[in-house]
Amino acid sequence: MASERRNPNWHSIVKVLLVVIIFVALLFLTDFVIALFIASLVACLMIKVDNKVPLAVALVLLVACPLLLILGLGSTANAFADVAFYLFTIGIALQLSQYFRTCRADPGETGSKVR
């Protein structure tokens, strides 16, 4: 009981350290964007982020791209589009993760109820 009061979130600390270690290791193997993408994907999967969050942010970024192009900020629009692509990928990975978790929890349900 006393150890629970001192270290109530040690699981969270371990998760954060794991993501940081993955990010730093990937920095030595790949470039910054790929390392950040993979570390973000692992973090989202570990903390079970709602799959709608990265998808909504990606849509907002894509809506901003034409506006940035109109303002003459083509390189910023390109960066926004790249980040939106990565966020869409993370959102789809989270949706697949959620789908497989629900299938494992209730193997009798297939998702379609055709009679």
PDB file of N, CA and C in Angstrom:
ATOM      1  N   MET A   1       0.821  -1.184   0.000  1.00  0.00           N
ATOM      2  CA  MET A   1       0.000   0.000   0.000  1.00  0.00           C
ATOM      3  C   MET A   1       0.867   1.250   0.000  1.00  0.00           C
ATOM      4  N   ALA A   2       1.942   1.255   0.763  1.00  0.00           N
ATOM      5  CA  ALA A   2       2.811   2.423   0.819  1.00  0.00           C
ATOM      6  C   ALA A   2       3.561   2.603  -0.502  1.00  0.00           C
ATOM      7  N   SER A   3       3.925   1.496  -1.167  1.00  0.00           N
ATOM      8  CA  SER A   3       4.632   1.613  -2.445  1.00  0.00           C
ATOM      9  C   SER A   3       3.710   2.157  -3.534  1.00  0.00           C
ATOM     10  N   GLU A   4       2.400   1.893  -3.423  1.00  0.00           N
ATOM     11  CA  GLU A   4       1.461   2.433  -4.405  1.00  0.00           C
ATOM     12  C   GLU A   4       1.348   3.944  -4.270  1.00  0.00           C
ATOM     13  N   ARG A   5       1.502   4.467  -3.058  1.00  0.00           N
ATOM     14  CA  ARG A   5       1.423   5.912  -2.860  1.00  0.00           C
ATOM     15  C   ARG A   5       2.659   6.614  -3.409  1.00  0.00           C
ATOM     16  N   ARG A   6       3.810   5.956  -3.313  1.00  0.00           N
ATOM     17  CA  ARG A   6       5.039   6.573  -3.791  1.00  0.00           C
ATOM     18  C   ARG A   6       5.156   6.520  -5.313  1.00  0.00           C
ATOM     19  N   ASN A   7       4.770   5.419  -5.919  1.00  0.00           N
ATOM     20  CA  ASN A   7       4.924   5.232  -7.363  1.00  0.00           C
ATOM     21  C   ASN A   7       3.589   4.857  -8.003  1.00  0.00           C
ATOM     22  N   PRO A   8       2.617   5.749  -8.025  1.00  0.00           N
ATOM     23  CA  PRO A   8       1.326   5.380  -8.594  1.00  0.00           C
ATOM     24  C   PRO A   8       1.348   5.285 -10.117  1.00  0.00           C
ATOM     25  N   ASN A   9       2.256   6.007 -10.771  1.00  0.00           N
ATOM     26  CA  ASN A   9       2.270   6.045 -12.228  1.00  0.00           C
ATOM     27  C   ASN A   9       3.548   5.476 -12.825  1.00  0.00           C
ATOM     28  N   TRP A  10       4.111   4.456 -12.250  1.00  0.00           N
ATOM     29  CA  TRP A  10       5.361   3.936 -12.780  1.00  0.00           C
ATOM     30  C   TRP A  10       5.156   3.291 -14.139  1.00  0.00           C
ATOM     31  N   HIS A  11       3.929   2.795 -14.422  1.00  0.00           N
ATOM     32  CA  HIS A  11       3.643   2.255 -15.755  1.00  0.00           C
ATOM     33  C   HIS A  11       3.734   3.366 -16.799  1.00  0.00           C
ATOM     34  N   SER A  12       3.232   4.539 -16.470  1.00  0.00           N
ATOM     35  CA  SER A  12       3.296   5.674 -17.393  1.00  0.00           C
ATOM     36  C   SER A  12       4.726   6.107 -17.640  1.00  0.00           C
ATOM     37  N   ILE A  13       5.532   6.103 -16.602  1.00  0.00           N
ATOM     38  CA  ILE A  13       6.932   6.489 -16.743  1.00  0.00           C
ATOM     39  C   ILE A  13       7.671   5.500 -17.636  1.00  0.00           C
ATOM     40  N   VAL A  14       7.388   4.232 -17.467  1.00  0.00           N
ATOM     41  CA  VAL A  14       8.025   3.205 -18.299  1.00  0.00           C
ATOM     42  C   VAL A  14       7.600   3.377 -19.756  1.00  0.00           C
ATOM     43  N   LYS A  15       6.329   3.683 -19.993  1.00  0.00           N
ATOM     44  CA  LYS A  15       5.854   3.884 -21.363  1.00  0.00           C
ATOM     45  C   LYS A  15       6.535   5.073 -22.017  1.00  0.00           C
ATOM     46  N   VAL A  16       6.663   6.168 -21.285  1.00  0.00           N
ATOM     47  CA  VAL A  16       7.315   7.354 -21.830  1.00  0.00           C
ATOM     48  C   VAL A  16       8.781   7.054 -22.130  1.00  0.00           C
ATOM     49  N   LEU A  17       9.462   6.386 -21.220  1.00  0.00           N
ATOM     50  CA  LEU A  17      10.858   6.032 -21.452  1.00  0.00           C
ATOM     51  C   LEU A  17      11.016   5.114 -22.655  1.00  0.00           C
ATOM     52  N   LEU A  18      10.099   4.194 -22.832  1.00  0.00           N
ATOM     53  CA  LEU A  18      10.153   3.292 -23.979  1.00  0.00           C
ATOM     54  C   LEU A  18      10.002   4.062 -25.285  1.00  0.00           C
ATOM     55  N   VAL A  19       9.074   5.009 -25.329  1.00  0.00           N
ATOM     56  CA  VAL A  19       8.886   5.813 -26.540  1.00  0.00           C
ATOM     57  C   VAL A  19      10.121   6.665 -26.813  1.00  0.00           C
ATOM     58  N   VAL A  20      10.713   7.241 -25.774  1.00  0.00           N
ATOM     59  CA  VAL A  20      11.920   8.055 -25.956  1.00  0.00           C
ATOM     60  C   VAL A  20      13.071   7.200 -26.456  1.00  0.00           C
ATOM     61  N   ILE A  21      13.227   6.012 -25.909  1.00  0.00           N
ATOM     62  CA  ILE A  21      14.301   5.112 -26.354  1.00  0.00           C
ATOM     63  C   ILE A  21      14.097   4.712 -27.818  1.00  0.00           C
ATOM     64  N   ILE A  22      12.850   4.408 -28.191  1.00  0.00           N
ATOM     65  CA  ILE A  22      12.563   4.066 -29.587  1.00  0.00           C
ATOM     66  C   ILE A  22      12.895   5.245 -30.494  1.00  0.00           C
ATOM     67  N   PHE A  23      12.489   6.445 -30.087  1.00  0.00           N
ATOM     68  CA  PHE A  23      12.751   7.641 -30.891  1.00  0.00           C
ATOM     69  C   PHE A  23      14.245   7.885 -31.074  1.00  0.00           C
ATOM     70  N   VAL A  24      15.007   7.819 -29.998  1.00  0.00           N
ATOM     71  CA  VAL A  24      16.447   8.078 -30.072  1.00  0.00           C
ATOM     72  C   VAL A  24      17.143   6.997 -30.899  1.00  0.00           C
ATOM     73  N   ALA A  25      16.728   5.736 -30.724  1.00  0.00           N
ATOM     74  CA  ALA A  25      17.340   4.660 -31.510  1.00  0.00           C
ATOM     75  C   ALA A  25      17.045   4.837 -32.993  1.00  0.00           C
ATOM     76  N   LEU A  26      15.817   5.241 -33.320  1.00  0.00           N
ATOM     77  CA  LEU A  26      15.477   5.440 -34.724  1.00  0.00           C
ATOM     78  C   LEU A  26      16.159   6.660 -35.322  1.00  0.00           C
ATOM     79  N   LEU A  27      16.490   7.645 -34.493  1.00  0.00           N
ATOM     80  CA  LEU A  27      17.220   8.806 -34.998  1.00  0.00           C
ATOM     81  C   LEU A  27      18.581   8.406 -35.553  1.00  0.00           C
ATOM     82  N   PHE A  28      19.199   7.400 -34.941  1.00  0.00           N
ATOM     83  CA  PHE A  28      20.490   6.947 -35.425  1.00  0.00           C
ATOM     84  C   PHE A  28      20.356   6.097 -36.691  1.00  0.00           C
ATOM     85  N   LEU A  29      19.189   5.459 -36.866  1.00  0.00           N
ATOM     86  CA  LEU A  29      18.998   4.567 -38.012  1.00  0.00           C
ATOM     87  C   LEU A  29      18.329   5.249 -39.203  1.00  0.00           C
ATOM     88  N   THR A  30      17.444   6.222 -38.936  1.00  0.00           N
ATOM     89  CA  THR A  30      16.690   6.870 -40.010  1.00  0.00           C
ATOM     90  C   THR A  30      16.756   8.379 -39.829  1.00  0.00           C
ATOM     91  N   ASP A  31      15.920   9.075 -40.578  1.00  0.00           N
ATOM     92  CA  ASP A  31      15.876  10.527 -40.425  1.00  0.00           C
ATOM     93  C   ASP A  31      14.856  10.925 -39.358  1.00  0.00           C
ATOM     94  N   PHE A  32      14.783  12.201 -39.079  1.00  0.00           N
ATOM     95  CA  PHE A  32      13.961  12.723 -37.981  1.00  0.00           C
ATOM     96  C   PHE A  32      12.473  12.450 -38.185  1.00  0.00           C
ATOM     97  N   VAL A  33      11.975  12.641 -39.397  1.00  0.00           N
ATOM     98  CA  VAL A  33      10.543  12.501 -39.655  1.00  0.00           C
ATOM     99  C   VAL A  33      10.082  11.066 -39.443  1.00  0.00           C
ATOM    100  N   ILE A  34      10.839  10.113 -39.952  1.00  0.00           N
ATOM    101  CA  ILE A  34      10.472   8.705 -39.779  1.00  0.00           C
ATOM    102  C   ILE A  34      10.539   8.313 -38.305  1.00  0.00           C
ATOM    103  N   ALA A  35      11.558   8.759 -37.604  1.00  0.00           N
ATOM    104  CA  ALA A  35      11.688   8.450 -36.177  1.00  0.00           C
ATOM    105  C   ALA A  35      10.524   9.036 -35.392  1.00  0.00           C
ATOM    106  N   LEU A  36      10.172  10.275 -35.707  1.00  0.00           N
ATOM    107  CA  LEU A  36       9.043  10.909 -35.020  1.00  0.00           C
ATOM    108  C   LEU A  36       7.737  10.204 -35.332  1.00  0.00           C
ATOM    109  N   PHE A  37       7.543   9.799 -36.585  1.00  0.00           N
ATOM    110  CA  PHE A  37       6.324   9.086 -36.976  1.00  0.00           C
ATOM    111  C   PHE A  37       6.186   7.769 -36.231  1.00  0.00           C
ATOM    112  N   ILE A  38       7.223   6.969 -36.220  1.00  0.00           N
ATOM    113  CA  ILE A  38       7.153   5.656 -35.564  1.00  0.00           C
ATOM    114  C   ILE A  38       6.994   5.810 -34.057  1.00  0.00           C
ATOM    115  N   ALA A  39       7.713   6.751 -33.455  1.00  0.00           N
ATOM    116  CA  ALA A  39       7.576   6.973 -32.012  1.00  0.00           C
ATOM    117  C   ALA A  39       6.162   7.468 -31.677  1.00  0.00           C
ATOM    118  N   SER A  40       5.601   8.318 -32.526  1.00  0.00           N
ATOM    119  CA  SER A  40       4.227   8.799 -32.294  1.00  0.00           C
ATOM    120  C   SER A  40       3.227   7.666 -32.414  1.00  0.00           C
ATOM    121  N   LEU A  41       3.417   6.802 -33.398  1.00  0.00           N
ATOM    122  CA  LEU A  41       2.525   5.662 -33.572  1.00  0.00           C
ATOM    123  C   LEU A  41       2.577   4.740 -32.355  1.00  0.00           C
ATOM    124  N   VAL A  42       3.782   4.457 -31.877  1.00  0.00           N
ATOM    125  CA  VAL A  42       3.928   3.601 -30.695  1.00  0.00           C
ATOM    126  C   VAL A  42       3.279   4.262 -29.473  1.00  0.00           C
ATOM    127  N   ALA A  43       3.491   5.568 -29.314  1.00  0.00           N
ATOM    128  CA  ALA A  43       2.900   6.282 -28.176  1.00  0.00           C
ATOM    129  C   ALA A  43       1.377   6.257 -28.244  1.00  0.00           C
ATOM    130  N   CYS A  44       0.829   6.496 -29.422  1.00  0.00           N
ATOM    131  CA  CYS A  44      -0.639   6.478 -29.567  1.00  0.00           C
ATOM    132  C   CYS A  44      -1.215   5.097 -29.288  1.00  0.00           C
ATOM    133  N   LEU A  45      -0.507   4.062 -29.713  1.00  0.00           N
ATOM    134  CA  LEU A  45      -0.984   2.704 -29.449  1.00  0.00           C
ATOM    135  C   LEU A  45      -0.899   2.352 -27.968  1.00  0.00           C
ATOM    136  N   MET A  46       0.158   2.839 -27.303  1.00  0.00           N
ATOM    137  CA  MET A  46       0.330   2.503 -25.885  1.00  0.00           C
ATOM    138  C   MET A  46      -0.668   3.223 -24.995  1.00  0.00           C
ATOM    139  N   ILE A  47      -0.966   4.473 -25.289  1.00  0.00           N
ATOM    140  CA  ILE A  47      -1.891   5.199 -24.414  1.00  0.00           C
ATOM    141  C   ILE A  47      -3.326   5.122 -24.908  1.00  0.00           C
ATOM    142  N   LYS A  48      -3.532   4.380 -26.002  1.00  0.00           N
ATOM    143  CA  LYS A  48      -4.869   4.127 -26.552  1.00  0.00           C
ATOM    144  C   LYS A  48      -5.613   5.423 -26.851  1.00  0.00           C
ATOM    145  N   VAL A  49      -4.983   6.246 -27.686  1.00  0.00           N
ATOM    146  CA  VAL A  49      -5.605   7.493 -28.129  1.00  0.00           C
ATOM    147  C   VAL A  49      -6.816   7.151 -28.985  1.00  0.00           C
ATOM    148  N   ASP A  50      -7.884   7.938 -28.846  1.00  0.00           N
ATOM    149  CA  ASP A  50      -9.055   7.745 -29.685  1.00  0.00           C
ATOM    150  C   ASP A  50      -8.651   7.943 -31.139  1.00  0.00           C
ATOM    151  N   ASN A  51      -9.078   7.030 -32.009  1.00  0.00           N
ATOM    152  CA  ASN A  51      -8.619   7.073 -33.395  1.00  0.00           C
ATOM    153  C   ASN A  51      -9.132   8.286 -34.162  1.00  0.00           C
ATOM    154  N   LYS A  52     -10.115   8.973 -33.624  1.00  0.00           N
ATOM    155  CA  LYS A  52     -10.650  10.147 -34.317  1.00  0.00           C
ATOM    156  C   LYS A  52      -9.749  11.373 -34.156  1.00  0.00           C
ATOM    157  N   VAL A  53      -8.933  11.407 -33.143  1.00  0.00           N
ATOM    158  CA  VAL A  53      -8.100  12.590 -32.873  1.00  0.00           C
ATOM    159  C   VAL A  53      -7.081  12.834 -33.987  1.00  0.00           C
ATOM    160  N   PRO A  54      -6.224  11.862 -34.339  1.00  0.00           N
ATOM    161  CA  PRO A  54      -5.274  12.147 -35.420  1.00  0.00           C
ATOM    162  C   PRO A  54      -5.962  12.374 -36.761  1.00  0.00           C
ATOM    163  N   LEU A  55      -7.094  11.711 -36.986  1.00  0.00           N
ATOM    164  CA  LEU A  55      -7.814  11.912 -38.243  1.00  0.00           C
ATOM    165  C   LEU A  55      -8.387  13.321 -38.326  1.00  0.00           C
ATOM    166  N   ALA A  56      -8.919  13.832 -37.229  1.00  0.00           N
ATOM    167  CA  ALA A  56      -9.471  15.194 -37.221  1.00  0.00           C
ATOM    168  C   ALA A  56      -8.375  16.229 -37.421  1.00  0.00           C
ATOM    169  N   VAL A  57      -7.232  16.037 -36.770  1.00  0.00           N
ATOM    170  CA  VAL A  57      -6.123  16.980 -36.932  1.00  0.00           C
ATOM    171  C   VAL A  57      -5.619  16.946 -38.382  1.00  0.00           C
ATOM    172  N   ALA A  58      -5.560  15.760 -38.972  1.00  0.00           N
ATOM    173  CA  ALA A  58      -5.123  15.647 -40.363  1.00  0.00           C
ATOM    174  C   ALA A  58      -6.075  16.374 -41.303  1.00  0.00           C
ATOM    175  N   LEU A  59      -7.370  16.261 -41.051  1.00  0.00           N
ATOM    176  CA  LEU A  59      -8.336  16.972 -41.893  1.00  0.00           C
ATOM    177  C   LEU A  59      -8.190  18.483 -41.768  1.00  0.00           C
ATOM    178  N   VAL A  60      -7.960  18.963 -40.559  1.00  0.00           N
ATOM    179  CA  VAL A  60      -7.757  20.403 -40.364  1.00  0.00           C
ATOM    180  C   VAL A  60      -6.506  20.867 -41.119  1.00  0.00           C
ATOM    181  N   LEU A  61      -5.448  20.075 -41.058  1.00  0.00           N
ATOM    182  CA  LEU A  61      -4.226  20.433 -41.781  1.00  0.00           C
ATOM    183  C   LEU A  61      -4.449  20.447 -43.293  1.00  0.00           C
ATOM    184  N   LEU A  62      -5.231  19.482 -43.779  1.00  0.00           N
ATOM    185  CA  LEU A  62      -5.500  19.460 -45.215  1.00  0.00           C
ATOM    186  C   LEU A  62      -6.372  20.624 -45.650  1.00  0.00           C
ATOM    187  N   VAL A  63      -7.280  21.054 -44.811  1.00  0.00           N
ATOM    188  CA  VAL A  63      -8.102  22.224 -45.130  1.00  0.00           C
ATOM    189  C   VAL A  63      -7.233  23.483 -45.161  1.00  0.00           C
ATOM    190  N   ALA A  64      -6.218  23.524 -44.323  1.00  0.00           N
ATOM    191  CA  ALA A  64      -5.335  24.688 -44.282  1.00  0.00           C
ATOM    192  C   ALA A  64      -4.394  24.756 -45.487  1.00  0.00           C
ATOM    193  N   CYS A  65      -4.138  23.635 -46.141  1.00  0.00           N
ATOM    194  CA  CYS A  65      -3.172  23.617 -47.254  1.00  0.00           C
ATOM    195  C   CYS A  65      -3.552  24.560 -48.399  1.00  0.00           C
ATOM    196  N   PRO A  66      -4.784  24.537 -48.925  1.00  0.00           N
ATOM    197  CA  PRO A  66      -5.104  25.480 -50.008  1.00  0.00           C
ATOM    198  C   PRO A  66      -5.001  26.942 -49.574  1.00  0.00           C
ATOM    199  N   LEU A  67      -5.360  27.214 -48.327  1.00  0.00           N
ATOM    200  CA  LEU A  67      -5.253  28.578 -47.825  1.00  0.00           C
ATOM    201  C   LEU A  67      -3.796  29.025 -47.775  1.00  0.00           C
ATOM    202  N   LEU A  68      -2.925  28.135 -47.362  1.00  0.00           N
ATOM    203  CA  LEU A  68      -1.503  28.458 -47.329  1.00  0.00           C
ATOM    204  C   LEU A  68      -0.940  28.657 -48.737  1.00  0.00           C
ATOM    205  N   LEU A  69      -1.433  27.867 -49.687  1.00  0.00           N
ATOM    206  CA  LEU A  69      -0.990  28.039 -51.071  1.00  0.00           C
ATOM    207  C   LEU A  69      -1.442  29.380 -51.632  1.00  0.00           C
ATOM    208  N   ILE A  70      -2.672  29.785 -51.292  1.00  0.00           N
ATOM    209  CA  ILE A  70      -3.176  31.085 -51.739  1.00  0.00           C
ATOM    210  C   ILE A  70      -2.314  32.211 -51.167  1.00  0.00           C
ATOM    211  N   LEU A  71      -1.871  32.044 -49.923  1.00  0.00           N
ATOM    212  CA  LEU A  71      -1.037  33.060 -49.282  1.00  0.00           C
ATOM    213  C   LEU A  71       0.419  33.017 -49.746  1.00  0.00           C
ATOM    214  N   GLY A  72       0.750  32.066 -50.623  1.00  0.00           N
ATOM    215  CA  GLY A  72       2.110  31.974 -51.142  1.00  0.00           C
ATOM    216  C   GLY A  72       3.070  31.216 -50.246  1.00  0.00           C
ATOM    217  N   LEU A  73       2.553  30.432 -49.343  1.00  0.00           N
ATOM    218  CA  LEU A  73       3.386  29.649 -48.417  1.00  0.00           C
ATOM    219  C   LEU A  73       3.397  28.181 -48.847  1.00  0.00           C
ATOM    220  N   GLY A  74       3.961  27.939 -50.022  1.00  0.00           N
ATOM    221  CA  GLY A  74       3.946  26.593 -50.592  1.00  0.00           C
ATOM    222  C   GLY A  74       4.722  25.573 -49.781  1.00  0.00           C
ATOM    223  N   SER A  75       5.862  25.960 -49.240  1.00  0.00           N
ATOM    224  CA  SER A  75       6.657  24.993 -48.467  1.00  0.00           C
ATOM    225  C   SER A  75       5.949  24.615 -47.169  1.00  0.00           C
ATOM    226  N   THR A  76       5.263  25.575 -46.558  1.00  0.00           N
ATOM    227  CA  THR A  76       4.499  25.278 -45.347  1.00  0.00           C
ATOM    228  C   THR A  76       3.316  24.375 -45.668  1.00  0.00           C
ATOM    229  N   ALA A  77       2.662  24.639 -46.795  1.00  0.00           N
ATOM    230  CA  ALA A  77       1.541  23.787 -47.214  1.00  0.00           C
ATOM    231  C   ALA A  77       2.018  22.365 -47.482  1.00  0.00           C
ATOM    232  N   ASN A  78       3.189  22.235 -48.078  1.00  0.00           N
ATOM    233  CA  ASN A  78       3.753  20.906 -48.332  1.00  0.00           C
ATOM    234  C   ASN A  78       4.055  20.183 -47.025  1.00  0.00           C
ATOM    235  N   ALA A  79       4.602  20.895 -46.051  1.00  0.00           N
ATOM    236  CA  ALA A  79       4.887  20.289 -44.745  1.00  0.00           C
ATOM    237  C   ALA A  79       3.587  19.878 -44.056  1.00  0.00           C
ATOM    238  N   PHE A  80       2.542  20.723 -44.153  1.00  0.00           N
ATOM    239  CA  PHE A  80       1.249  20.384 -43.567  1.00  0.00           C
ATOM    240  C   PHE A  80       0.683  19.124 -44.212  1.00  0.00           C
ATOM    241  N   ALA A  81       0.815  19.015 -45.537  1.00  0.00           N
ATOM    242  CA  ALA A  81       0.310  17.829 -46.231  1.00  0.00           C
ATOM    243  C   ALA A  81       1.065  16.573 -45.807  1.00  0.00           C
ATOM    244  N   ASP A  82       2.378  16.709 -45.622  1.00  0.00           N
ATOM    245  CA  ASP A  82       3.170  15.559 -45.162  1.00  0.00           C
ATOM    246  C   ASP A  82       2.741  15.110 -43.771  1.00  0.00           C
ATOM    247  N   VAL A  83       2.571  16.059 -42.870  1.00  0.00           N
ATOM    248  CA  VAL A  83       2.145  15.727 -41.507  1.00  0.00           C
ATOM    249  C   VAL A  83       0.737  15.131 -41.526  1.00  0.00           C
ATOM    250  N   ALA A  84      -0.133  15.651 -42.380  1.00  0.00           N
ATOM    251  CA  ALA A  84      -1.488  15.106 -42.491  1.00  0.00           C
ATOM    252  C   ALA A  84      -1.441  13.653 -42.948  1.00  0.00           C
ATOM    253  N   PHE A  85      -0.564  13.341 -43.899  1.00  0.00           N
ATOM    254  CA  PHE A  85      -0.422  11.956 -44.346  1.00  0.00           C
ATOM    255  C   PHE A  85      -0.018  11.045 -43.193  1.00  0.00           C
ATOM    256  N   TYR A  86       0.955  11.484 -42.407  1.00  0.00           N
ATOM    257  CA  TYR A  86       1.391  10.670 -41.273  1.00  0.00           C
ATOM    258  C   TYR A  86       0.276  10.526 -40.235  1.00  0.00           C
ATOM    259  N   LEU A  87      -0.479  11.592 -40.013  1.00  0.00           N
ATOM    260  CA  LEU A  87      -1.582  11.508 -39.055  1.00  0.00           C
ATOM    261  C   LEU A  87      -2.685  10.585 -39.555  1.00  0.00           C
ATOM    262  N   PHE A  88      -2.960  10.612 -40.864  1.00  0.00           N
ATOM    263  CA  PHE A  88      -3.938   9.668 -41.423  1.00  0.00           C
ATOM    264  C   PHE A  88      -3.458   8.230 -41.218  1.00  0.00           C
ATOM    265  N   THR A  89      -2.185   8.003 -41.420  1.00  0.00           N
ATOM    266  CA  THR A  89      -1.626   6.661 -41.225  1.00  0.00           C
ATOM    267  C   THR A  89      -1.742   6.224 -39.771  1.00  0.00           C
ATOM    268  N   ILE A  90      -1.450   7.128 -38.846  1.00  0.00           N
ATOM    269  CA  ILE A  90      -1.593   6.800 -37.426  1.00  0.00           C
ATOM    270  C   ILE A  90      -3.051   6.538 -37.085  1.00  0.00           C
ATOM    271  N   GLY A  91      -3.974   7.346 -37.617  1.00  0.00           N
ATOM    272  CA  GLY A  91      -5.398   7.150 -37.358  1.00  0.00           C
ATOM    273  C   GLY A  91      -5.895   5.807 -37.862  1.00  0.00           C
ATOM    274  N   ILE A  92      -5.463   5.417 -39.049  1.00  0.00           N
ATOM    275  CA  ILE A  92      -5.857   4.111 -39.597  1.00  0.00           C
ATOM    276  C   ILE A  92      -5.263   2.979 -38.778  1.00  0.00           C
ATOM    277  N   ALA A  93      -4.014   3.120 -38.350  1.00  0.00           N
ATOM    278  CA  ALA A  93      -3.399   2.089 -37.498  1.00  0.00           C
ATOM    279  C   ALA A  93      -4.156   1.965 -36.177  1.00  0.00           C
ATOM    280  N   LEU A  94      -4.595   3.082 -35.621  1.00  0.00           N
ATOM    281  CA  LEU A  94      -5.374   3.035 -34.381  1.00  0.00           C
ATOM    282  C   LEU A  94      -6.733   2.387 -34.606  1.00  0.00           C
ATOM    283  N   GLN A  95      -7.351   2.662 -35.761  1.00  0.00           N
ATOM    284  CA  GLN A  95      -8.630   2.020 -36.063  1.00  0.00           C
ATOM    285  C   GLN A  95      -8.466   0.513 -36.199  1.00  0.00           C
ATOM    286  N   LEU A  96      -7.405   0.081 -36.878  1.00  0.00           N
ATOM    287  CA  LEU A  96      -7.150  -1.355 -37.000  1.00  0.00           C
ATOM    288  C   LEU A  96      -6.881  -1.985 -35.636  1.00  0.00           C
ATOM    289  N   SER A  97      -6.121  -1.289 -34.811  1.00  0.00           N
ATOM    290  CA  SER A  97      -5.842  -1.792 -33.467  1.00  0.00           C
ATOM    291  C   SER A  97      -7.131  -1.945 -32.663  1.00  0.00           C
ATOM    292  N   GLN A  98      -7.996  -0.946 -32.740  1.00  0.00           N
ATOM    293  CA  GLN A  98      -9.275  -1.011 -32.028  1.00  0.00           C
ATOM    294  C   GLN A  98     -10.146  -2.139 -32.574  1.00  0.00           C
ATOM    295  N   TYR A  99     -10.148  -2.310 -33.883  1.00  0.00           N
ATOM    296  CA  TYR A  99     -10.936  -3.375 -34.501  1.00  0.00           C
ATOM    297  C   TYR A  99     -10.472  -4.747 -34.035  1.00  0.00           C
ATOM    298  N   PHE A 100      -9.153  -4.966 -34.040  1.00  0.00           N
ATOM    299  CA  PHE A 100      -8.642  -6.263 -33.629  1.00  0.00           C
ATOM    300  C   PHE A 100      -8.831  -6.505 -32.133  1.00  0.00           C
ATOM    301  N   ARG A 101      -8.777  -5.441 -31.327  1.00  0.00           N
ATOM    302  CA  ARG A 101      -9.049  -5.597 -29.894  1.00  0.00           C
ATOM    303  C   ARG A 101     -10.495  -6.013 -29.651  1.00  0.00           C
ATOM    304  N   THR A 102     -11.432  -5.404 -30.379  1.00  0.00           N
ATOM    305  CA  THR A 102     -12.841  -5.761 -30.185  1.00  0.00           C
ATOM    306  C   THR A 102     -13.135  -7.145 -30.734  1.00  0.00           C
ATOM    307  N   CYS A 103     -12.460  -7.548 -31.809  1.00  0.00           N
ATOM    308  CA  CYS A 103     -12.650  -8.905 -32.337  1.00  0.00           C
ATOM    309  C   CYS A 103     -12.118  -9.942 -31.366  1.00  0.00           C
ATOM    310  N   ARG A 104     -11.008  -9.630 -30.710  1.00  0.00           N
ATOM    311  CA  ARG A 104     -10.433 -10.558 -29.745  1.00  0.00           C
ATOM    312  C   ARG A 104     -11.310 -10.641 -28.495  1.00  0.00           C
ATOM    313  N   ALA A 105     -11.922  -9.518 -28.107  1.00  0.00           N
ATOM    314  CA  ALA A 105     -12.753  -9.499 -26.910  1.00  0.00           C
ATOM    315  C   ALA A 105     -14.057 -10.256 -27.127  1.00  0.00           C
ATOM    316  N   ASP A 106     -14.624 -10.181 -28.326  1.00  0.00           N
ATOM    317  CA  ASP A 106     -15.887 -10.850 -28.618  1.00  0.00           C
ATOM    318  C   ASP A 106     -15.763 -11.577 -29.956  1.00  0.00           C
ATOM    319  N   PRO A 107     -15.177 -12.802 -29.957  1.00  0.00           N
ATOM    320  CA  PRO A 107     -14.926 -13.488 -31.217  1.00  0.00           C
ATOM    321  C   PRO A 107     -16.196 -13.923 -31.946  1.00  0.00           C
ATOM    322  N   GLY A 108     -17.332 -13.962 -31.274  1.00  0.00           N
ATOM    323  CA  GLY A 108     -18.579 -14.359 -31.920  1.00  0.00           C
ATOM    324  C   GLY A 108     -19.142 -13.289 -32.833  1.00  0.00           C
ATOM    325  N   GLU A 109     -18.789 -12.048 -32.584  1.00  0.00           N
ATOM    326  CA  GLU A 109     -19.283 -10.934 -33.393  1.00  0.00           C
ATOM    327  C   GLU A 109     -18.359 -10.735 -34.590  1.00  0.00           C
ATOM    328  N   THR A 110     -18.924 -10.680 -35.767  1.00  0.00           N
ATOM    329  CA  THR A 110     -18.121 -10.446 -36.966  1.00  0.00           C
ATOM    330  C   THR A 110     -18.246  -9.013 -37.443  1.00  0.00           C
ATOM    331  N   GLY A 111     -19.148  -8.248 -36.892  1.00  0.00           N
ATOM    332  CA  GLY A 111     -19.301  -6.867 -37.293  1.00  0.00           C
ATOM    333  C   GLY A 111     -20.489  -6.664 -38.214  1.00  0.00           C
ATOM    334  N   SER A 112     -20.860  -7.663 -38.987  1.00  0.00           N
ATOM    335  CA  SER A 112     -22.031  -7.534 -39.860  1.00  0.00           C
ATOM    336  C   SER A 112     -23.134  -8.440 -39.331  1.00  0.00           C
ATOM    337  N   LYS A 113     -24.316  -7.909 -39.283  1.00  0.00           N
ATOM    338  CA  LYS A 113     -25.452  -8.657 -38.748  1.00  0.00           C
ATOM    339  C   LYS A 113     -26.466  -8.879 -39.867  1.00  0.00           C
ATOM    340  N   VAL A 114     -26.118  -9.755 -40.803  1.00  0.00           N
ATOM    341  CA  VAL A 114     -27.002 -10.078 -41.917  1.00  0.00           C
ATOM    342  C   VAL A 114     -27.855 -11.247 -41.508  1.00  0.00           C
ATOM    343  N   ARG A 115     -29.150 -11.125 -41.764  1.00  0.00           N
ATOM    344  CA  ARG A 115     -30.060 -12.233 -41.409  1.00  0.00           C
ATOM    345  C   ARG A 115     -30.689 -12.810 -42.631  1.00  0.00           C
TER     346      ARG A 115
END
